[in-house]
Amino acid sequence: MAFIINFKDAKVIVNNKFKSKMTFYSKYLIAVGIIGLSGIPLFILDYSDLSWNTNKESYWGMISMVALIIAVLVYHVALKREQANTNTQNRK
């Protein structure tokens, strides 16, 4: 079994098949999103009044953390699909 690692594109090629590997930066962004999602309700949210007007900034922060995680995961899935399409085109 032959392994070729291309660090620039974060791809691992095993026997001429592309396998997507999540980069350190993507893992870092997901970790920041998870820490933000757990930290905002614990330390910033005002539990005496959970209305939108009182905690508008906290809610927008949580929404942005969810959007960050979703964006990284969508990018990773799109990269895997692109590599799969490239792999099938190379076989033809």
Foldseek 3Di string as FASTA:
>chain_A
DDWDADVVQQWIADPLATDHDQDPVLVVLLVVLVCLLVVLVVPPQDVVDNDCVVCVVSVVSNVVSVVSNVVSVVVSVVVRVVRVVVSVVVVD
